[in-house]
């Protein structure tokens, strides 16, 4: 029987110890890390390895550990992930032996996550992503002047404050048309950077971001 799940430094979890003696349900908005799947760690590619870390700070290892009881014997098993660079991580076990003998008898079944406990649920038919993409493009066309849409160097882009005057209004409009609560707030906007091609980032911005990254690599935890 599984008795406890421990997660450290993974996505939204800095430290979490979850007792599994009773049924446990994770509820949260999209990207809140309610779904913990092996694919999140090594099955799906991510643009940068640091996206797996809490607060995007790979200063401490990610640790995911399970504890349980088989018969009258307790056991524990865990895996740690050390940041190597933005393209790879180093994996180590947290227990000796790597897989306790008692743990081998535990049967685990994957129950797919619910899509959300909203006031209504939508069946995602083929083409749903394209439909949402069309709604997003429609919202952008309503918010951005035609000249600015055609020219990324238009003065409109220089004068508008992206977070308050554009993205806030854009996502409010987008989710309102989907009849869903707004799942993208200002605190989540950093996630959009992963979808921007490097060649589309202005050189002066890339230079400042590189400087911030270099400083972060020299940082050390105190205390």
N, C-alpha and C. Protein backbone atom coordinates (compact mmCIF):
# COMPACT_ATOMS: atom_id res chain seq x y z
N UNK A 1 0.84 -1.19 0.00
CA UNK A 1 0.00 0.00 0.00
C UNK A 1 0.88 1.24 0.00
N UNK A 2 0.55 2.21 -0.83
CA UNK A 2 1.26 3.48 -0.84
C UNK A 2 0.76 4.33 0.33
N UNK A 3 1.68 4.97 1.03
CA UNK A 3 1.29 5.75 2.20
C UNK A 3 1.63 7.24 2.08
N UNK A 4 2.65 7.59 1.30
CA UNK A 4 3.01 9.01 1.23
C UNK A 4 3.73 9.32 -0.08
N UNK A 5 3.43 10.49 -0.64
CA UNK A 5 4.12 11.02 -1.82
C UNK A 5 4.80 12.32 -1.41
N UNK A 6 6.09 12.43 -1.71
CA UNK A 6 6.84 13.64 -1.39
C UNK A 6 7.39 14.25 -2.68
N UNK A 7 7.16 15.54 -2.86
CA UNK A 7 7.62 16.25 -4.06
C UNK A 7 8.38 17.49 -3.62
N UNK A 8 9.55 17.70 -4.20
CA UNK A 8 10.33 18.90 -3.88
C UNK A 8 10.83 19.55 -5.17
N UNK A 9 10.61 20.85 -5.27
CA UNK A 9 11.18 21.69 -6.33
C UNK A 9 10.69 21.34 -7.73
N UNK A 10 9.50 20.74 -7.85
CA UNK A 10 8.97 20.36 -9.16
C UNK A 10 7.81 21.26 -9.53
N UNK A 11 7.99 22.05 -10.59
CA UNK A 11 6.96 22.95 -11.10
C UNK A 11 6.40 23.83 -9.98
N UNK A 12 5.10 23.72 -9.65
CA UNK A 12 4.53 24.60 -8.63
C UNK A 12 4.85 24.14 -7.21
N UNK A 13 5.44 22.96 -7.06
CA UNK A 13 5.69 22.41 -5.72
C UNK A 13 7.11 22.74 -5.27
N UNK A 14 7.25 23.55 -4.23
CA UNK A 14 8.56 23.71 -3.61
C UNK A 14 8.80 22.54 -2.65
N UNK A 15 7.85 22.30 -1.74
CA UNK A 15 7.88 21.12 -0.89
C UNK A 15 6.44 20.70 -0.61
N UNK A 16 6.14 19.44 -0.84
CA UNK A 16 4.80 18.92 -0.58
C UNK A 16 4.91 17.47 -0.10
N UNK A 17 4.28 17.18 1.02
CA UNK A 17 4.19 15.82 1.53
C UNK A 17 2.71 15.45 1.61
N UNK A 18 2.32 14.45 0.84
CA UNK A 18 0.90 14.11 0.68
C UNK A 18 0.65 12.72 1.23
N UNK A 19 -0.16 12.65 2.27
CA UNK A 19 -0.51 11.36 2.85
C UNK A 19 -1.51 10.66 1.93
N UNK A 20 -1.27 9.38 1.67
CA UNK A 20 -2.08 8.63 0.71
C UNK A 20 -2.93 7.56 1.39
N UNK A 21 -3.13 7.67 2.70
CA UNK A 21 -3.95 6.68 3.38
C UNK A 21 -5.40 6.71 2.94
N UNK A 22 -5.88 7.92 2.57
CA UNK A 22 -7.24 8.09 2.06
C UNK A 22 -7.17 8.61 0.63
N UNK A 23 -8.28 8.53 -0.11
CA UNK A 23 -8.26 9.07 -1.48
C UNK A 23 -7.84 10.53 -1.49
N UNK A 24 -6.98 10.91 -2.44
CA UNK A 24 -6.48 12.27 -2.57
C UNK A 24 -6.86 12.79 -3.95
N UNK A 25 -7.42 13.99 -4.01
CA UNK A 25 -7.80 14.62 -5.27
C UNK A 25 -7.04 15.93 -5.42
N UNK A 26 -6.35 16.11 -6.54
CA UNK A 26 -5.65 17.36 -6.83
C UNK A 26 -6.55 18.21 -7.72
N UNK A 27 -6.81 19.43 -7.28
CA UNK A 27 -7.66 20.34 -8.04
C UNK A 27 -6.92 21.65 -8.22
N UNK A 28 -6.91 22.17 -9.43
CA UNK A 28 -6.26 23.45 -9.67
C UNK A 28 -6.43 23.86 -11.11
N UNK A 29 -6.13 25.15 -11.41
CA UNK A 29 -6.23 25.63 -12.79
C UNK A 29 -5.17 24.98 -13.66
N UNK A 30 -5.31 25.18 -14.95
CA UNK A 30 -4.32 24.64 -15.89
C UNK A 30 -2.95 25.19 -15.55
N UNK A 31 -1.93 24.34 -15.66
CA UNK A 31 -0.52 24.63 -15.34
C UNK A 31 -0.27 24.71 -13.84
N UNK A 32 -1.25 24.28 -13.01
CA UNK A 32 -1.04 24.33 -11.56
C UNK A 32 -0.33 23.07 -11.05
N UNK A 33 0.04 22.17 -11.96
CA UNK A 33 0.76 20.93 -11.61
C UNK A 33 -0.13 19.94 -10.87
N UNK A 34 -1.43 19.98 -11.13
CA UNK A 34 -2.31 19.00 -10.51
C UNK A 34 -2.08 17.61 -11.10
N UNK A 35 -1.60 17.55 -12.34
CA UNK A 35 -1.30 16.28 -12.99
C UNK A 35 0.19 16.01 -12.88
N UNK A 36 0.55 14.93 -12.21
CA UNK A 36 1.95 14.53 -12.08
C UNK A 36 2.12 13.23 -12.85
N UNK A 37 2.77 13.31 -13.99
CA UNK A 37 2.89 12.18 -14.89
C UNK A 37 4.36 12.00 -15.23
N UNK A 38 4.80 10.76 -15.40
CA UNK A 38 6.20 10.53 -15.76
C UNK A 38 6.56 11.28 -17.04
N UNK A 39 5.57 11.51 -17.92
CA UNK A 39 5.87 12.23 -19.16
C UNK A 39 6.29 13.67 -18.88
N UNK A 40 5.81 14.23 -17.75
CA UNK A 40 6.19 15.60 -17.41
C UNK A 40 7.68 15.71 -17.16
N UNK A 41 8.30 14.60 -16.75
CA UNK A 41 9.71 14.64 -16.37
C UNK A 41 10.63 14.26 -17.52
N UNK A 42 10.35 13.13 -18.19
CA UNK A 42 11.28 12.71 -19.23
C UNK A 42 10.60 12.16 -20.48
N UNK A 43 9.28 12.19 -20.57
CA UNK A 43 8.62 11.63 -21.74
C UNK A 43 8.32 12.64 -22.82
N UNK A 44 8.21 13.94 -22.45
CA UNK A 44 7.88 14.95 -23.43
C UNK A 44 8.99 16.00 -23.47
N UNK A 45 9.34 16.51 -24.64
CA UNK A 45 10.38 17.54 -24.71
C UNK A 45 9.87 18.86 -24.15
N UNK A 46 10.77 19.62 -23.53
CA UNK A 46 10.46 20.97 -23.10
C UNK A 46 11.52 21.89 -23.70
N UNK A 47 11.18 23.16 -23.96
CA UNK A 47 12.17 24.05 -24.58
C UNK A 47 13.42 24.24 -23.73
N UNK A 48 13.24 24.26 -22.39
CA UNK A 48 14.37 24.42 -21.48
C UNK A 48 14.16 23.51 -20.28
N UNK A 49 15.23 22.86 -19.85
CA UNK A 49 15.11 21.94 -18.71
C UNK A 49 14.65 22.66 -17.45
N UNK A 50 15.02 23.93 -17.30
CA UNK A 50 14.66 24.66 -16.08
C UNK A 50 13.16 24.87 -15.94
N UNK A 51 12.39 24.67 -17.01
CA UNK A 51 10.93 24.79 -16.91
C UNK A 51 10.33 23.74 -15.99
N UNK A 52 11.07 22.67 -15.70
CA UNK A 52 10.58 21.64 -14.79
C UNK A 52 10.72 22.05 -13.33
N UNK A 53 11.51 23.08 -13.05
CA UNK A 53 11.82 23.44 -11.66
C UNK A 53 10.85 24.48 -11.12
N UNK A 54 10.59 24.41 -9.82
CA UNK A 54 9.77 25.41 -9.14
C UNK A 54 10.42 26.78 -9.31
N UNK A 55 9.61 27.77 -9.70
CA UNK A 55 10.08 29.14 -9.91
C UNK A 55 11.18 29.23 -10.96
N UNK A 56 11.32 28.18 -11.78
CA UNK A 56 12.32 28.15 -12.85
C UNK A 56 13.74 28.30 -12.31
N UNK A 57 13.96 27.89 -11.06
CA UNK A 57 15.26 28.03 -10.41
C UNK A 57 15.83 26.65 -10.09
N UNK A 58 16.71 26.11 -10.96
CA UNK A 58 17.25 24.76 -10.75
C UNK A 58 18.44 24.74 -9.79
N UNK A 59 18.29 25.42 -8.64
CA UNK A 59 19.39 25.49 -7.68
C UNK A 59 19.43 24.27 -6.78
N UNK A 60 18.28 23.64 -6.56
CA UNK A 60 18.18 22.43 -5.76
C UNK A 60 17.60 21.32 -6.62
N UNK A 61 17.91 20.06 -6.36
CA UNK A 61 17.40 18.97 -7.20
C UNK A 61 15.90 18.79 -7.05
N UNK A 62 15.27 18.34 -8.11
CA UNK A 62 13.88 17.86 -8.02
C UNK A 62 13.91 16.49 -7.37
N UNK A 63 13.03 16.28 -6.41
CA UNK A 63 12.95 14.97 -5.77
C UNK A 63 11.49 14.53 -5.74
N UNK A 64 11.25 13.31 -6.19
CA UNK A 64 9.92 12.72 -6.16
C UNK A 64 10.05 11.35 -5.50
N UNK A 65 9.39 11.17 -4.37
CA UNK A 65 9.59 9.95 -3.59
C UNK A 65 8.25 9.37 -3.13
N UNK A 66 8.20 8.07 -3.05
CA UNK A 66 7.03 7.35 -2.55
C UNK A 66 7.43 6.53 -1.33
N UNK A 67 6.51 6.43 -0.38
CA UNK A 67 6.69 5.54 0.77
C UNK A 67 5.49 4.62 0.82
N UNK A 68 5.70 3.41 1.34
CA UNK A 68 4.60 2.46 1.40
C UNK A 68 4.85 1.37 2.42
N UNK A 69 3.87 0.49 2.51
CA UNK A 69 3.94 -0.66 3.41
C UNK A 69 3.51 -1.88 2.63
N UNK A 70 4.31 -2.93 2.65
CA UNK A 70 3.97 -4.22 2.05
C UNK A 70 4.09 -5.28 3.12
N UNK A 71 2.98 -5.93 3.43
CA UNK A 71 2.98 -6.87 4.54
C UNK A 71 3.17 -6.09 5.83
N UNK A 72 4.21 -6.40 6.57
CA UNK A 72 4.51 -5.66 7.80
C UNK A 72 5.80 -4.86 7.66
N UNK A 73 6.25 -4.64 6.41
CA UNK A 73 7.51 -3.93 6.19
C UNK A 73 7.28 -2.61 5.45
N UNK A 74 7.90 -1.56 5.98
CA UNK A 74 7.83 -0.25 5.34
C UNK A 74 8.96 -0.11 4.32
N UNK A 75 8.74 0.69 3.30
CA UNK A 75 9.76 0.91 2.30
C UNK A 75 9.63 2.32 1.73
N UNK A 76 10.67 2.76 1.06
CA UNK A 76 10.66 4.08 0.42
C UNK A 76 11.46 4.00 -0.88
N UNK A 77 11.02 4.74 -1.85
CA UNK A 77 11.68 4.77 -3.15
C UNK A 77 11.54 6.17 -3.72
N UNK A 78 12.62 6.68 -4.28
CA UNK A 78 12.55 8.02 -4.86
C UNK A 78 13.57 8.24 -5.94
N UNK A 79 13.35 9.28 -6.71
CA UNK A 79 14.24 9.65 -7.81
C UNK A 79 14.55 11.13 -7.69
N UNK A 80 15.82 11.49 -7.90
CA UNK A 80 16.23 12.89 -7.89
C UNK A 80 16.72 13.31 -9.26
N UNK A 81 16.49 14.58 -9.60
CA UNK A 81 16.89 15.12 -10.89
C UNK A 81 17.75 16.35 -10.67
N UNK A 82 19.00 16.28 -11.10
CA UNK A 82 19.94 17.40 -10.98
C UNK A 82 20.02 18.13 -12.32
N UNK A 83 19.93 19.47 -12.25
CA UNK A 83 20.04 20.27 -13.47
C UNK A 83 21.47 20.22 -13.98
N UNK A 84 21.66 19.83 -15.24
CA UNK A 84 22.99 19.81 -15.85
C UNK A 84 23.18 21.02 -16.75
N UNK A 85 22.25 21.20 -17.67
CA UNK A 85 22.20 22.39 -18.52
C UNK A 85 20.79 22.47 -19.07
N UNK A 86 20.53 23.44 -19.95
CA UNK A 86 19.16 23.65 -20.42
C UNK A 86 18.68 22.54 -21.35
N UNK A 87 19.54 21.58 -21.67
CA UNK A 87 19.14 20.49 -22.55
C UNK A 87 19.13 19.14 -21.86
N UNK A 88 19.60 19.06 -20.62
CA UNK A 88 19.68 17.74 -19.99
C UNK A 88 19.66 17.84 -18.47
N UNK A 89 19.26 16.74 -17.84
CA UNK A 89 19.29 16.61 -16.39
C UNK A 89 19.98 15.29 -16.04
N UNK A 90 20.52 15.22 -14.83
CA UNK A 90 21.13 13.99 -14.34
C UNK A 90 20.19 13.34 -13.34
N UNK A 91 20.01 12.03 -13.46
CA UNK A 91 19.05 11.30 -12.65
C UNK A 91 19.78 10.40 -11.66
N UNK A 92 19.29 10.35 -10.44
CA UNK A 92 19.85 9.46 -9.43
C UNK A 92 18.72 8.91 -8.57
N UNK A 93 18.95 7.77 -7.97
CA UNK A 93 17.96 7.20 -7.06
C UNK A 93 18.21 7.73 -5.65
N UNK A 94 17.14 7.80 -4.87
CA UNK A 94 17.22 8.31 -3.50
C UNK A 94 17.19 7.19 -2.47
N UNK A 95 17.19 5.95 -2.94
CA UNK A 95 17.07 4.83 -2.01
C UNK A 95 18.07 3.74 -2.37
N UNK A 96 18.38 2.89 -1.39
CA UNK A 96 19.26 1.74 -1.58
C UNK A 96 18.58 0.50 -0.99
N UNK A 97 18.34 -0.53 -1.80
CA UNK A 97 18.61 -0.62 -3.24
C UNK A 97 17.74 0.34 -4.04
N UNK A 98 18.05 0.47 -5.32
CA UNK A 98 17.34 1.44 -6.15
C UNK A 98 15.83 1.24 -6.09
N UNK A 99 15.39 -0.02 -6.20
CA UNK A 99 13.96 -0.36 -6.05
C UNK A 99 13.84 -1.38 -4.94
N UNK A 100 13.31 -1.01 -3.78
CA UNK A 100 13.18 -1.98 -2.69
C UNK A 100 12.36 -3.20 -3.12
N UNK A 101 12.76 -4.35 -2.61
CA UNK A 101 12.07 -5.60 -2.97
C UNK A 101 10.58 -5.51 -2.67
N UNK A 102 10.24 -4.88 -1.53
CA UNK A 102 8.82 -4.80 -1.14
C UNK A 102 8.01 -3.96 -2.12
N UNK A 103 8.65 -2.98 -2.73
CA UNK A 103 7.94 -2.10 -3.65
C UNK A 103 7.55 -2.81 -4.95
N UNK A 104 8.29 -3.87 -5.30
CA UNK A 104 8.02 -4.57 -6.55
C UNK A 104 6.64 -5.22 -6.56
N UNK A 105 6.08 -5.48 -5.37
CA UNK A 105 4.78 -6.12 -5.30
C UNK A 105 3.62 -5.15 -5.43
N UNK A 106 3.90 -3.85 -5.43
CA UNK A 106 2.84 -2.84 -5.49
C UNK A 106 2.35 -2.70 -6.92
N UNK A 107 1.04 -2.76 -7.10
CA UNK A 107 0.44 -2.58 -8.41
C UNK A 107 -0.09 -1.15 -8.53
N UNK A 108 0.32 -0.45 -9.59
CA UNK A 108 -0.07 0.94 -9.80
C UNK A 108 -0.82 1.05 -11.12
N UNK A 109 -1.94 1.76 -11.10
CA UNK A 109 -2.75 1.97 -12.30
C UNK A 109 -2.85 3.47 -12.54
N UNK A 110 -2.63 3.91 -13.77
CA UNK A 110 -2.74 5.32 -14.12
C UNK A 110 -4.20 5.67 -14.40
N UNK A 111 -4.72 6.59 -13.61
CA UNK A 111 -6.06 7.12 -13.85
C UNK A 111 -5.91 8.47 -14.52
N UNK A 112 -6.34 8.62 -15.76
CA UNK A 112 -6.16 9.90 -16.45
C UNK A 112 -6.82 11.03 -15.66
N UNK A 113 -6.22 12.23 -15.68
CA UNK A 113 -6.78 13.34 -14.92
C UNK A 113 -8.08 13.83 -15.52
N UNK A 114 -8.95 14.38 -14.66
CA UNK A 114 -10.13 15.06 -15.15
C UNK A 114 -9.70 16.33 -15.88
N UNK A 115 -10.54 16.80 -16.78
CA UNK A 115 -10.20 18.02 -17.51
C UNK A 115 -10.47 19.26 -16.69
N UNK A 116 -11.15 19.13 -15.56
CA UNK A 116 -11.40 20.29 -14.72
C UNK A 116 -12.79 20.25 -14.12
N UNK A 117 -12.94 20.84 -12.96
CA UNK A 117 -14.24 20.88 -12.30
C UNK A 117 -14.86 22.26 -12.50
N UNK A 118 -15.14 22.59 -13.74
CA UNK A 118 -15.75 23.88 -14.06
C UNK A 118 -17.27 23.74 -14.03
N UNK A 119 -17.98 24.85 -14.30
CA UNK A 119 -19.44 24.78 -14.28
C UNK A 119 -19.97 24.03 -15.49
N UNK A 120 -19.11 23.80 -16.48
CA UNK A 120 -19.51 23.00 -17.64
C UNK A 120 -18.26 22.38 -18.24
N UNK A 121 -18.43 21.26 -18.90
CA UNK A 121 -17.31 20.59 -19.54
C UNK A 121 -17.61 20.44 -21.02
N UNK A 122 -16.58 20.57 -21.82
CA UNK A 122 -16.76 20.50 -23.26
C UNK A 122 -16.06 19.25 -23.80
N UNK A 123 -16.74 18.52 -24.67
CA UNK A 123 -16.12 17.38 -25.33
C UNK A 123 -15.20 17.93 -26.41
N UNK A 124 -13.94 17.58 -26.33
CA UNK A 124 -12.95 18.12 -27.27
C UNK A 124 -12.97 17.28 -28.55
N UNK A 125 -13.65 17.78 -29.54
CA UNK A 125 -13.76 17.10 -30.81
C UNK A 125 -12.54 17.40 -31.68
N UNK A 126 -12.28 16.56 -32.69
CA UNK A 126 -11.18 16.87 -33.61
C UNK A 126 -11.36 18.28 -34.19
N UNK A 127 -10.28 19.02 -34.22
CA UNK A 127 -10.36 20.40 -34.71
C UNK A 127 -10.58 21.42 -33.62
N UNK A 128 -10.71 20.96 -32.35
CA UNK A 128 -10.96 21.92 -31.27
C UNK A 128 -9.80 22.89 -31.12
N UNK A 129 -8.57 22.37 -31.28
CA UNK A 129 -7.41 23.25 -31.15
C UNK A 129 -7.42 24.31 -32.24
N UNK A 130 -7.77 23.89 -33.46
CA UNK A 130 -7.84 24.85 -34.56
C UNK A 130 -8.92 25.89 -34.30
N UNK A 131 -10.05 25.45 -33.71
CA UNK A 131 -11.13 26.38 -33.40
C UNK A 131 -10.67 27.41 -32.39
N UNK A 132 -9.98 26.97 -31.34
CA UNK A 132 -9.48 27.90 -30.34
C UNK A 132 -8.42 28.83 -30.93
N UNK A 133 -7.60 28.28 -31.84
CA UNK A 133 -6.63 29.13 -32.51
C UNK A 133 -7.31 30.22 -33.32
N UNK A 134 -8.43 29.86 -33.98
CA UNK A 134 -9.19 30.85 -34.75
C UNK A 134 -9.77 31.93 -33.85
N UNK A 135 -10.27 31.53 -32.67
CA UNK A 135 -10.81 32.51 -31.72
C UNK A 135 -9.71 33.44 -31.24
N UNK A 136 -8.52 32.90 -30.95
CA UNK A 136 -7.41 33.74 -30.52
C UNK A 136 -7.02 34.73 -31.60
N UNK A 137 -6.93 34.27 -32.85
CA UNK A 137 -6.58 35.18 -33.94
C UNK A 137 -7.63 36.28 -34.10
N UNK A 138 -8.90 35.91 -33.92
CA UNK A 138 -9.98 36.89 -34.00
C UNK A 138 -9.85 37.96 -32.92
N UNK A 139 -9.51 37.53 -31.71
CA UNK A 139 -9.33 38.48 -30.60
C UNK A 139 -8.16 39.41 -30.88
N UNK A 140 -7.06 38.85 -31.41
CA UNK A 140 -5.89 39.68 -31.73
C UNK A 140 -6.24 40.72 -32.77
N UNK A 141 -6.99 40.31 -33.80
CA UNK A 141 -7.36 41.26 -34.86
C UNK A 141 -8.22 42.40 -34.31
N UNK A 142 -9.03 42.12 -33.30
CA UNK A 142 -9.88 43.16 -32.72
C UNK A 142 -9.09 44.13 -31.84
N UNK A 143 -8.00 43.66 -31.26
CA UNK A 143 -7.24 44.49 -30.32
C UNK A 143 -6.10 45.25 -30.99
N UNK A 144 -5.52 44.70 -32.05
CA UNK A 144 -4.33 45.28 -32.67
C UNK A 144 -4.71 45.99 -33.97
N UNK A 145 -4.28 47.22 -34.14
CA UNK A 145 -4.56 47.94 -35.40
C UNK A 145 -4.02 47.18 -36.60
N UNK A 146 -4.69 47.25 -37.73
CA UNK A 146 -4.26 46.51 -38.93
C UNK A 146 -2.82 46.78 -39.33
N UNK A 147 -2.38 48.05 -39.24
CA UNK A 147 -1.00 48.36 -39.63
C UNK A 147 -0.01 47.66 -38.72
N UNK A 148 -0.30 47.60 -37.42
CA UNK A 148 0.61 46.95 -36.47
C UNK A 148 0.63 45.44 -36.69
N UNK A 149 -0.48 44.87 -37.13
CA UNK A 149 -0.52 43.43 -37.41
C UNK A 149 0.42 43.08 -38.56
N UNK A 150 0.53 43.99 -39.52
CA UNK A 150 1.36 43.72 -40.69
C UNK A 150 2.83 44.08 -40.48
N UNK A 151 3.09 44.96 -39.51
CA UNK A 151 4.46 45.45 -39.32
C UNK A 151 4.86 45.34 -37.86
N UNK A 152 5.74 44.37 -37.50
CA UNK A 152 6.16 44.23 -36.10
C UNK A 152 6.94 45.43 -35.57
N UNK A 153 7.41 46.31 -36.49
CA UNK A 153 8.14 47.50 -36.07
C UNK A 153 7.25 48.73 -35.98
N UNK A 154 5.95 48.55 -36.14
CA UNK A 154 5.02 49.67 -36.07
C UNK A 154 5.10 50.35 -34.70
N UNK A 155 4.86 51.66 -34.68
CA UNK A 155 4.97 52.44 -33.44
C UNK A 155 3.99 51.96 -32.37
N UNK A 156 2.91 51.32 -32.78
CA UNK A 156 1.92 50.83 -31.80
C UNK A 156 2.56 49.86 -30.82
N UNK A 157 3.42 48.97 -31.33
CA UNK A 157 4.08 47.98 -30.46
C UNK A 157 5.04 48.64 -29.48
N UNK A 158 5.59 49.79 -29.86
CA UNK A 158 6.52 50.49 -28.98
C UNK A 158 5.79 51.24 -27.87
N UNK A 159 4.56 51.64 -28.13
CA UNK A 159 3.83 52.46 -27.16
C UNK A 159 2.93 51.66 -26.22
N UNK A 160 2.53 50.47 -26.64
CA UNK A 160 1.60 49.69 -25.82
C UNK A 160 2.36 48.92 -24.74
N UNK A 161 1.80 48.86 -23.53
CA UNK A 161 2.38 48.04 -22.47
C UNK A 161 1.82 46.63 -22.62
N UNK A 162 2.70 45.69 -22.97
CA UNK A 162 2.24 44.35 -23.37
C UNK A 162 1.38 43.68 -22.32
N UNK A 163 1.78 43.75 -21.04
CA UNK A 163 1.05 43.00 -20.02
C UNK A 163 -0.32 43.61 -19.73
N UNK A 164 -0.37 44.90 -19.39
CA UNK A 164 -1.63 45.50 -18.95
C UNK A 164 -2.55 45.88 -20.11
N UNK A 165 -1.98 46.42 -21.17
CA UNK A 165 -2.81 46.97 -22.24
C UNK A 165 -3.10 45.98 -23.36
N UNK A 166 -2.33 44.91 -23.43
CA UNK A 166 -2.56 43.95 -24.52
C UNK A 166 -2.90 42.56 -24.01
N UNK A 167 -1.98 41.91 -23.29
CA UNK A 167 -2.19 40.52 -22.89
C UNK A 167 -3.37 40.38 -21.92
N UNK A 168 -3.50 41.30 -20.96
CA UNK A 168 -4.63 41.21 -20.02
C UNK A 168 -5.96 41.23 -20.78
N UNK A 169 -6.09 42.19 -21.69
CA UNK A 169 -7.34 42.31 -22.46
C UNK A 169 -7.52 41.12 -23.41
N UNK A 170 -6.41 40.67 -24.00
CA UNK A 170 -6.48 39.56 -24.95
C UNK A 170 -7.00 38.29 -24.29
N UNK A 171 -6.43 37.91 -23.15
CA UNK A 171 -6.84 36.65 -22.52
C UNK A 171 -8.22 36.76 -21.87
N UNK A 172 -8.58 37.94 -21.37
CA UNK A 172 -9.94 38.12 -20.86
C UNK A 172 -10.95 37.89 -21.98
N UNK A 173 -10.69 38.48 -23.13
CA UNK A 173 -11.59 38.33 -24.28
C UNK A 173 -11.62 36.89 -24.77
N UNK A 174 -10.45 36.25 -24.86
CA UNK A 174 -10.34 34.89 -25.37
C UNK A 174 -11.13 33.90 -24.51
N UNK A 175 -10.89 33.92 -23.19
CA UNK A 175 -11.57 32.96 -22.32
C UNK A 175 -13.05 33.29 -22.17
N UNK A 176 -13.41 34.56 -22.28
CA UNK A 176 -14.82 34.92 -22.24
C UNK A 176 -15.56 34.30 -23.42
N UNK A 177 -14.95 34.30 -24.58
CA UNK A 177 -15.60 33.71 -25.76
C UNK A 177 -15.64 32.19 -25.70
N UNK A 178 -14.72 31.61 -24.94
CA UNK A 178 -14.76 30.16 -24.72
C UNK A 178 -15.71 29.78 -23.59
N UNK A 179 -16.26 30.79 -22.91
CA UNK A 179 -17.15 30.55 -21.75
C UNK A 179 -16.40 29.80 -20.65
N UNK A 180 -15.14 30.19 -20.44
CA UNK A 180 -14.30 29.57 -19.42
C UNK A 180 -13.71 30.66 -18.52
N UNK A 181 -13.37 30.30 -17.28
CA UNK A 181 -12.65 31.28 -16.44
C UNK A 181 -11.28 31.57 -17.04
N UNK A 182 -10.79 32.75 -16.79
CA UNK A 182 -9.48 33.15 -17.32
C UNK A 182 -8.37 32.33 -16.66
N UNK A 183 -7.72 31.48 -17.44
CA UNK A 183 -6.68 30.59 -16.92
C UNK A 183 -5.27 31.14 -17.16
N UNK A 184 -5.18 32.36 -17.69
CA UNK A 184 -3.86 32.94 -17.97
C UNK A 184 -3.80 34.35 -17.39
N UNK A 185 -3.19 34.46 -16.22
CA UNK A 185 -3.03 35.74 -15.55
C UNK A 185 -1.59 36.24 -15.72
N UNK A 186 -1.36 37.46 -15.24
CA UNK A 186 -0.04 38.08 -15.40
C UNK A 186 1.08 37.22 -14.80
N UNK A 187 0.77 36.55 -13.69
CA UNK A 187 1.79 35.72 -13.04
C UNK A 187 2.19 34.52 -13.90
N UNK A 188 1.40 34.22 -14.95
CA UNK A 188 1.70 33.09 -15.82
C UNK A 188 2.32 33.51 -17.15
N UNK A 189 2.46 34.81 -17.39
CA UNK A 189 2.90 35.27 -18.70
C UNK A 189 4.31 34.80 -19.06
N UNK A 190 5.14 34.51 -18.04
CA UNK A 190 6.50 34.05 -18.35
C UNK A 190 6.48 32.74 -19.15
N UNK A 191 5.37 31.98 -19.03
CA UNK A 191 5.29 30.71 -19.76
C UNK A 191 5.24 30.93 -21.27
N UNK A 192 4.81 32.12 -21.69
CA UNK A 192 4.69 32.40 -23.12
C UNK A 192 6.07 32.49 -23.78
N UNK A 193 7.11 32.80 -23.00
CA UNK A 193 8.44 32.96 -23.58
C UNK A 193 8.93 31.68 -24.25
N UNK A 194 8.48 30.54 -23.74
CA UNK A 194 8.93 29.26 -24.31
C UNK A 194 8.44 29.06 -25.74
N UNK A 195 7.43 29.84 -26.16
CA UNK A 195 6.85 29.66 -27.50
C UNK A 195 7.35 30.72 -28.49
N UNK A 196 8.30 31.55 -28.08
CA UNK A 196 8.84 32.58 -28.96
C UNK A 196 10.13 32.08 -29.58
N UNK A 197 10.19 32.07 -30.90
CA UNK A 197 11.41 31.64 -31.59
C UNK A 197 12.54 32.61 -31.27
N UNK A 198 13.75 32.07 -31.08
CA UNK A 198 14.88 32.90 -30.71
C UNK A 198 15.15 34.02 -31.71
N UNK A 199 14.95 33.72 -32.98
CA UNK A 199 15.26 34.73 -34.00
C UNK A 199 14.26 35.91 -33.98
N UNK A 200 13.14 35.75 -33.25
CA UNK A 200 12.16 36.82 -33.18
C UNK A 200 12.36 37.71 -31.95
N UNK A 201 13.35 37.38 -31.12
CA UNK A 201 13.64 38.21 -29.95
C UNK A 201 14.64 39.29 -30.34
N UNK A 202 14.31 40.54 -30.04
CA UNK A 202 15.19 41.66 -30.38
C UNK A 202 16.55 41.48 -29.74
N UNK A 203 17.64 41.81 -30.44
CA UNK A 203 19.00 41.59 -29.92
C UNK A 203 19.23 42.24 -28.56
N UNK A 204 18.70 43.46 -28.35
CA UNK A 204 18.94 44.12 -27.07
C UNK A 204 18.23 43.40 -25.93
N UNK A 205 17.07 42.81 -26.21
CA UNK A 205 16.36 42.05 -25.18
C UNK A 205 17.10 40.74 -24.90
N UNK A 206 17.55 40.07 -25.97
CA UNK A 206 18.30 38.83 -25.79
C UNK A 206 19.56 39.07 -24.96
N UNK A 207 20.21 40.23 -25.20
CA UNK A 207 21.43 40.56 -24.44
C UNK A 207 21.12 40.70 -22.95
N UNK A 208 20.02 41.40 -22.62
CA UNK A 208 19.65 41.59 -21.21
C UNK A 208 19.26 40.26 -20.57
N UNK A 209 18.55 39.42 -21.31
CA UNK A 209 18.15 38.12 -20.77
C UNK A 209 19.38 37.24 -20.52
N UNK A 210 20.36 37.30 -21.44
CA UNK A 210 21.59 36.53 -21.25
C UNK A 210 22.33 36.99 -19.99
N UNK A 211 22.34 38.29 -19.75
CA UNK A 211 23.00 38.82 -18.56
C UNK A 211 22.31 38.35 -17.29
N UNK A 212 20.97 38.36 -17.30
CA UNK A 212 20.21 37.88 -16.14
C UNK A 212 20.50 36.41 -15.90
N UNK A 213 20.55 35.63 -16.98
CA UNK A 213 20.82 34.19 -16.85
C UNK A 213 22.21 33.96 -16.27
N UNK A 214 23.20 34.71 -16.75
CA UNK A 214 24.56 34.53 -16.26
C UNK A 214 24.67 34.86 -14.78
N UNK A 215 23.97 35.90 -14.34
CA UNK A 215 23.96 36.24 -12.92
C UNK A 215 23.31 35.13 -12.11
N UNK A 216 22.21 34.57 -12.63
CA UNK A 216 21.51 33.51 -11.90
C UNK A 216 22.38 32.27 -11.74
N UNK A 217 23.26 32.01 -12.72
CA UNK A 217 24.13 30.85 -12.63
C UNK A 217 25.21 31.01 -11.56
N UNK A 218 25.54 32.27 -11.25
CA UNK A 218 26.54 32.53 -10.22
C UNK A 218 25.92 32.64 -8.82
N UNK A 219 24.58 32.68 -8.79
CA UNK A 219 23.91 32.86 -7.49
C UNK A 219 24.05 31.61 -6.64
N UNK A 220 24.06 31.78 -5.35
CA UNK A 220 24.13 30.67 -4.40
C UNK A 220 23.11 30.90 -3.30
N UNK A 221 22.49 29.83 -2.86
CA UNK A 221 21.54 29.92 -1.77
C UNK A 221 22.27 30.28 -0.48
N UNK A 222 21.66 31.13 0.31
CA UNK A 222 22.22 31.54 1.60
C UNK A 222 21.33 31.04 2.71
N UNK A 223 21.90 30.42 3.76
CA UNK A 223 21.10 29.93 4.89
C UNK A 223 20.66 28.51 4.69
